[in-house]
Amino acid sequence: MERLPEHHQLLMHSNQGWHYQMKKYRRVLESRGIVQSMSRKGNCYDNAVMENFFGIMKSEFLYMKEFESKEHFKIALEKYINYYNTKRIKAKLKMSPVQYRIHFT
């Protein structure tokens, strides 16, 4: 949190794990202006987009590679996210997410 820019707009996705239930953790996020993205129990639609992304990222990236270090993982993850957003064609959209946003704005 110390590295966050002063005026950031961070949305943190989480499921209903331990951090969902910890009041102190939620208060710290709130005090730093971080919005939590969580579903209510039994309602998966709030986070469906992120859950879908995490599933794809795990199968296409995480489970397919071995990482030498945390730094290597961070660099590879940034490259994957860039690929996912700019080059990977989503079958439903017939274009990448960035192409879709540009096309319809």
N, C-alpha and C. Protein backbone atom coordinates (compact mmCIF):
# COMPACT_ATOMS: atom_id res chain seq x y z
N MET A 1 0.82 -1.20 0.00
CA MET A 1 0.00 0.00 0.00
C MET A 1 0.86 1.26 0.00
N GLU A 2 2.08 1.13 0.51
CA GLU A 2 2.97 2.29 0.54
C GLU A 2 3.36 2.74 -0.85
N ARG A 3 3.30 1.84 -1.83
CA ARG A 3 3.71 2.19 -3.19
C ARG A 3 2.57 2.73 -4.04
N LEU A 4 1.36 2.75 -3.54
CA LEU A 4 0.24 3.26 -4.32
C LEU A 4 0.36 4.76 -4.52
N PRO A 5 0.04 5.23 -5.71
CA PRO A 5 0.04 6.68 -5.93
C PRO A 5 -0.99 7.34 -5.00
N GLU A 6 -0.80 8.61 -4.74
CA GLU A 6 -1.67 9.31 -3.80
C GLU A 6 -3.14 9.29 -4.25
N HIS A 7 -3.39 9.53 -5.52
CA HIS A 7 -4.77 9.56 -6.02
C HIS A 7 -4.98 8.38 -6.96
N HIS A 8 -5.17 7.23 -6.39
CA HIS A 8 -5.38 6.01 -7.18
C HIS A 8 -6.85 5.63 -7.15
N GLN A 9 -7.23 4.81 -8.08
CA GLN A 9 -8.59 4.26 -8.11
C GLN A 9 -8.44 2.75 -8.22
N LEU A 10 -8.18 2.11 -7.10
CA LEU A 10 -7.91 0.69 -7.09
C LEU A 10 -9.16 -0.08 -6.70
N LEU A 11 -9.48 -1.09 -7.50
CA LEU A 11 -10.58 -1.99 -7.21
C LEU A 11 -9.95 -3.34 -6.93
N MET A 12 -10.17 -3.86 -5.73
CA MET A 12 -9.57 -5.13 -5.35
C MET A 12 -10.62 -6.22 -5.38
N HIS A 13 -10.38 -7.20 -6.22
CA HIS A 13 -11.30 -8.33 -6.33
C HIS A 13 -10.94 -9.38 -5.29
N SER A 14 -11.92 -9.90 -4.62
CA SER A 14 -11.70 -11.02 -3.71
C SER A 14 -12.96 -11.87 -3.65
N ASN A 15 -12.78 -13.08 -3.21
CA ASN A 15 -13.94 -13.93 -2.99
C ASN A 15 -14.33 -13.83 -1.52
N GLN A 16 -15.11 -14.75 -1.02
CA GLN A 16 -15.52 -14.67 0.38
C GLN A 16 -14.57 -15.45 1.28
N GLY A 17 -13.28 -15.28 1.06
CA GLY A 17 -12.27 -15.93 1.87
C GLY A 17 -12.05 -15.17 3.17
N TRP A 18 -10.89 -15.39 3.78
CA TRP A 18 -10.61 -14.80 5.10
C TRP A 18 -10.69 -13.28 5.09
N HIS A 19 -10.25 -12.65 4.01
CA HIS A 19 -10.24 -11.18 3.96
C HIS A 19 -11.66 -10.62 3.84
N TYR A 20 -12.56 -11.38 3.31
CA TYR A 20 -13.95 -10.94 3.22
C TYR A 20 -14.54 -10.75 4.61
N GLN A 21 -14.09 -11.56 5.56
CA GLN A 21 -14.67 -11.56 6.90
C GLN A 21 -13.91 -10.71 7.90
N MET A 22 -12.69 -10.29 7.59
CA MET A 22 -11.88 -9.53 8.55
C MET A 22 -12.23 -8.05 8.53
N LYS A 23 -12.86 -7.56 9.58
CA LYS A 23 -13.26 -6.15 9.63
C LYS A 23 -12.05 -5.23 9.57
N LYS A 24 -10.98 -5.59 10.28
CA LYS A 24 -9.78 -4.74 10.30
C LYS A 24 -9.20 -4.60 8.89
N TYR A 25 -9.13 -5.69 8.17
CA TYR A 25 -8.62 -5.67 6.79
C TYR A 25 -9.49 -4.78 5.91
N ARG A 26 -10.80 -4.92 6.02
CA ARG A 26 -11.71 -4.12 5.21
C ARG A 26 -11.59 -2.64 5.56
N ARG A 27 -11.41 -2.33 6.85
CA ARG A 27 -11.25 -0.93 7.27
C ARG A 27 -9.97 -0.32 6.70
N VAL A 28 -8.89 -1.11 6.68
CA VAL A 28 -7.63 -0.60 6.12
C VAL A 28 -7.80 -0.28 4.64
N LEU A 29 -8.45 -1.19 3.90
CA LEU A 29 -8.70 -0.93 2.48
C LEU A 29 -9.52 0.34 2.31
N GLU A 30 -10.58 0.44 3.08
CA GLU A 30 -11.45 1.62 2.99
C GLU A 30 -10.70 2.90 3.32
N SER A 31 -9.85 2.86 4.33
CA SER A 31 -9.09 4.05 4.73
C SER A 31 -8.12 4.49 3.64
N ARG A 32 -7.70 3.56 2.78
CA ARG A 32 -6.78 3.86 1.69
C ARG A 32 -7.52 4.15 0.38
N GLY A 33 -8.86 4.17 0.41
CA GLY A 33 -9.63 4.46 -0.78
C GLY A 33 -9.72 3.31 -1.76
N ILE A 34 -9.50 2.09 -1.27
CA ILE A 34 -9.55 0.91 -2.13
C ILE A 34 -10.94 0.30 -2.02
N VAL A 35 -11.57 0.11 -3.17
CA VAL A 35 -12.91 -0.45 -3.22
C VAL A 35 -12.81 -1.96 -3.34
N GLN A 36 -13.55 -2.68 -2.50
CA GLN A 36 -13.57 -4.13 -2.60
C GLN A 36 -14.65 -4.58 -3.57
N SER A 37 -14.33 -5.57 -4.34
CA SER A 37 -15.27 -6.17 -5.28
C SER A 37 -15.55 -7.59 -4.80
N MET A 38 -16.71 -7.78 -4.21
CA MET A 38 -17.05 -9.11 -3.68
C MET A 38 -18.52 -9.40 -3.95
N SER A 39 -18.80 -10.66 -4.16
CA SER A 39 -20.19 -11.08 -4.30
C SER A 39 -20.81 -11.27 -2.93
N ARG A 40 -22.11 -11.12 -2.90
CA ARG A 40 -22.83 -11.56 -1.71
C ARG A 40 -22.89 -13.08 -1.76
N LYS A 41 -23.08 -13.71 -0.65
CA LYS A 41 -23.17 -15.17 -0.61
C LYS A 41 -24.27 -15.64 -1.56
N GLY A 42 -23.94 -16.60 -2.42
CA GLY A 42 -24.91 -17.15 -3.35
C GLY A 42 -25.15 -16.30 -4.58
N ASN A 43 -24.38 -15.21 -4.76
CA ASN A 43 -24.56 -14.33 -5.92
C ASN A 43 -23.23 -14.18 -6.63
N CYS A 44 -23.04 -14.95 -7.67
CA CYS A 44 -21.75 -14.94 -8.37
C CYS A 44 -21.64 -13.84 -9.42
N TYR A 45 -22.72 -13.16 -9.73
CA TYR A 45 -22.71 -12.24 -10.87
C TYR A 45 -21.87 -11.00 -10.65
N ASP A 46 -21.69 -10.56 -9.40
CA ASP A 46 -20.90 -9.36 -9.14
C ASP A 46 -19.48 -9.51 -9.66
N ASN A 47 -18.91 -10.70 -9.53
CA ASN A 47 -17.51 -10.92 -9.88
C ASN A 47 -17.33 -11.88 -11.04
N ALA A 48 -18.36 -12.14 -11.79
CA ALA A 48 -18.28 -13.13 -12.86
C ALA A 48 -17.18 -12.80 -13.86
N VAL A 49 -17.00 -11.55 -14.21
CA VAL A 49 -15.98 -11.17 -15.19
C VAL A 49 -14.59 -11.48 -14.65
N MET A 50 -14.32 -11.12 -13.40
CA MET A 50 -13.00 -11.38 -12.82
C MET A 50 -12.77 -12.87 -12.61
N GLU A 51 -13.79 -13.59 -12.16
CA GLU A 51 -13.65 -15.03 -11.98
C GLU A 51 -13.34 -15.70 -13.32
N ASN A 52 -13.98 -15.24 -14.39
CA ASN A 52 -13.72 -15.77 -15.72
C ASN A 52 -12.27 -15.49 -16.12
N PHE A 53 -11.82 -14.26 -15.91
CA PHE A 53 -10.44 -13.91 -16.25
C PHE A 53 -9.46 -14.77 -15.46
N PHE A 54 -9.66 -14.90 -14.15
CA PHE A 54 -8.74 -15.69 -13.33
C PHE A 54 -8.68 -17.14 -13.82
N GLY A 55 -9.81 -17.71 -14.19
CA GLY A 55 -9.82 -19.08 -14.71
C GLY A 55 -9.02 -19.22 -15.99
N ILE A 56 -9.21 -18.27 -16.91
CA ILE A 56 -8.46 -18.29 -18.17
C ILE A 56 -6.98 -18.08 -17.90
N MET A 57 -6.65 -17.09 -17.05
CA MET A 57 -5.26 -16.79 -16.75
C MET A 57 -4.56 -18.00 -16.14
N LYS A 58 -5.22 -18.70 -15.25
CA LYS A 58 -4.61 -19.88 -14.63
C LYS A 58 -4.33 -20.96 -15.68
N SER A 59 -5.30 -21.24 -16.54
CA SER A 59 -5.11 -22.32 -17.52
C SER A 59 -4.15 -21.95 -18.64
N GLU A 60 -4.14 -20.69 -19.07
CA GLU A 60 -3.27 -20.28 -20.19
C GLU A 60 -1.89 -19.83 -19.75
N PHE A 61 -1.76 -19.41 -18.51
CA PHE A 61 -0.50 -18.80 -18.07
C PHE A 61 0.09 -19.50 -16.84
N LEU A 62 -0.61 -19.46 -15.76
CA LEU A 62 -0.04 -19.90 -14.48
C LEU A 62 0.34 -21.38 -14.48
N TYR A 63 -0.54 -22.24 -14.93
CA TYR A 63 -0.29 -23.68 -14.88
C TYR A 63 0.64 -24.16 -15.99
N MET A 64 0.94 -23.30 -16.95
CA MET A 64 1.76 -23.69 -18.10
C MET A 64 3.24 -23.34 -17.93
N LYS A 65 3.59 -22.62 -16.90
CA LYS A 65 4.96 -22.12 -16.77
C LYS A 65 5.52 -22.40 -15.38
N GLU A 66 6.83 -22.36 -15.31
CA GLU A 66 7.52 -22.36 -14.02
C GLU A 66 8.27 -21.04 -13.94
N PHE A 67 8.32 -20.47 -12.76
CA PHE A 67 8.92 -19.15 -12.59
C PHE A 67 10.16 -19.26 -11.71
N GLU A 68 11.21 -18.57 -12.13
CA GLU A 68 12.49 -18.60 -11.43
C GLU A 68 12.45 -17.82 -10.11
N SER A 69 11.61 -16.79 -10.09
CA SER A 69 11.56 -15.90 -8.92
C SER A 69 10.26 -15.11 -8.95
N LYS A 70 10.00 -14.37 -7.88
CA LYS A 70 8.82 -13.50 -7.85
C LYS A 70 8.93 -12.43 -8.94
N GLU A 71 10.14 -11.91 -9.12
CA GLU A 71 10.35 -10.87 -10.13
C GLU A 71 10.06 -11.42 -11.53
N HIS A 72 10.52 -12.62 -11.80
CA HIS A 72 10.25 -13.26 -13.09
C HIS A 72 8.74 -13.45 -13.28
N PHE A 73 8.05 -13.87 -12.22
CA PHE A 73 6.60 -14.04 -12.28
C PHE A 73 5.91 -12.71 -12.59
N LYS A 74 6.31 -11.64 -11.91
CA LYS A 74 5.68 -10.33 -12.12
C LYS A 74 5.85 -9.86 -13.56
N ILE A 75 7.05 -10.02 -14.11
CA ILE A 75 7.32 -9.61 -15.49
C ILE A 75 6.48 -10.43 -16.46
N ALA A 76 6.45 -11.75 -16.25
CA ALA A 76 5.68 -12.63 -17.12
C ALA A 76 4.18 -12.34 -17.02
N LEU A 77 3.70 -12.04 -15.82
CA LEU A 77 2.28 -11.73 -15.63
C LEU A 77 1.91 -10.43 -16.35
N GLU A 78 2.75 -9.42 -16.25
CA GLU A 78 2.49 -8.16 -16.97
C GLU A 78 2.41 -8.40 -18.47
N LYS A 79 3.32 -9.23 -19.00
CA LYS A 79 3.30 -9.54 -20.42
C LYS A 79 2.02 -10.29 -20.79
N TYR A 80 1.59 -11.23 -19.93
CA TYR A 80 0.38 -11.99 -20.22
C TYR A 80 -0.85 -11.07 -20.22
N ILE A 81 -0.93 -10.19 -19.23
CA ILE A 81 -2.09 -9.28 -19.16
C ILE A 81 -2.11 -8.36 -20.38
N ASN A 82 -0.96 -7.89 -20.80
CA ASN A 82 -0.90 -7.07 -22.02
C ASN A 82 -1.37 -7.88 -23.22
N TYR A 83 -0.89 -9.11 -23.35
CA TYR A 83 -1.34 -10.00 -24.43
C TYR A 83 -2.85 -10.21 -24.36
N TYR A 84 -3.34 -10.52 -23.17
CA TYR A 84 -4.77 -10.79 -22.98
C TYR A 84 -5.62 -9.60 -23.42
N ASN A 85 -5.20 -8.41 -23.05
CA ASN A 85 -5.99 -7.21 -23.36
C ASN A 85 -5.86 -6.74 -24.80
N THR A 86 -4.69 -6.93 -25.42
CA THR A 86 -4.46 -6.30 -26.72
C THR A 86 -4.41 -7.26 -27.90
N LYS A 87 -4.06 -8.53 -27.67
CA LYS A 87 -3.87 -9.43 -28.80
C LYS A 87 -4.77 -10.67 -28.78
N ARG A 88 -5.10 -11.16 -27.62
CA ARG A 88 -5.89 -12.40 -27.51
C ARG A 88 -7.33 -12.12 -27.96
N ILE A 89 -7.77 -12.85 -28.94
CA ILE A 89 -9.12 -12.67 -29.49
C ILE A 89 -10.12 -13.42 -28.61
N LYS A 90 -11.12 -12.70 -28.11
CA LYS A 90 -12.20 -13.32 -27.35
C LYS A 90 -13.22 -13.81 -28.37
N ALA A 91 -13.54 -15.10 -28.35
CA ALA A 91 -14.45 -15.69 -29.34
C ALA A 91 -15.79 -14.96 -29.37
N LYS A 92 -16.31 -14.62 -28.21
CA LYS A 92 -17.61 -13.95 -28.14
C LYS A 92 -17.58 -12.56 -28.78
N LEU A 93 -16.46 -11.85 -28.62
CA LEU A 93 -16.33 -10.50 -29.16
C LEU A 93 -15.80 -10.49 -30.59
N LYS A 94 -15.09 -11.54 -30.97
CA LYS A 94 -14.40 -11.64 -32.26
C LYS A 94 -13.29 -10.59 -32.40
N MET A 95 -12.78 -10.13 -31.27
CA MET A 95 -11.66 -9.18 -31.22
C MET A 95 -11.13 -9.16 -29.79
N SER A 96 -10.01 -8.47 -29.59
CA SER A 96 -9.44 -8.36 -28.25
C SER A 96 -10.27 -7.37 -27.42
N PRO A 97 -10.15 -7.43 -26.09
CA PRO A 97 -10.88 -6.46 -25.26
C PRO A 97 -10.58 -5.00 -25.60
N VAL A 98 -9.32 -4.68 -25.87
CA VAL A 98 -8.97 -3.30 -26.21
C VAL A 98 -9.58 -2.92 -27.56
N GLN A 99 -9.50 -3.80 -28.53
CA GLN A 99 -10.12 -3.52 -29.84
C GLN A 99 -11.63 -3.30 -29.68
N TYR A 100 -12.25 -4.09 -28.83
CA TYR A 100 -13.69 -3.96 -28.60
C TYR A 100 -14.02 -2.59 -28.01
N ARG A 101 -13.24 -2.18 -26.98
CA ARG A 101 -13.49 -0.86 -26.36
C ARG A 101 -13.29 0.26 -27.36
N ILE A 102 -12.25 0.19 -28.15
CA ILE A 102 -11.97 1.23 -29.15
C ILE A 102 -13.08 1.26 -30.21
N HIS A 103 -13.51 0.09 -30.65
CA HIS A 103 -14.53 -0.02 -31.68
C HIS A 103 -15.87 0.57 -31.25
N PHE A 104 -16.21 0.41 -29.97
CA PHE A 104 -17.53 0.84 -29.51
C PHE A 104 -17.52 2.11 -28.65
N THR A 105 -16.44 2.89 -28.71
CA THR A 105 -16.44 4.17 -27.99
C THR A 105 -16.35 5.32 -28.95
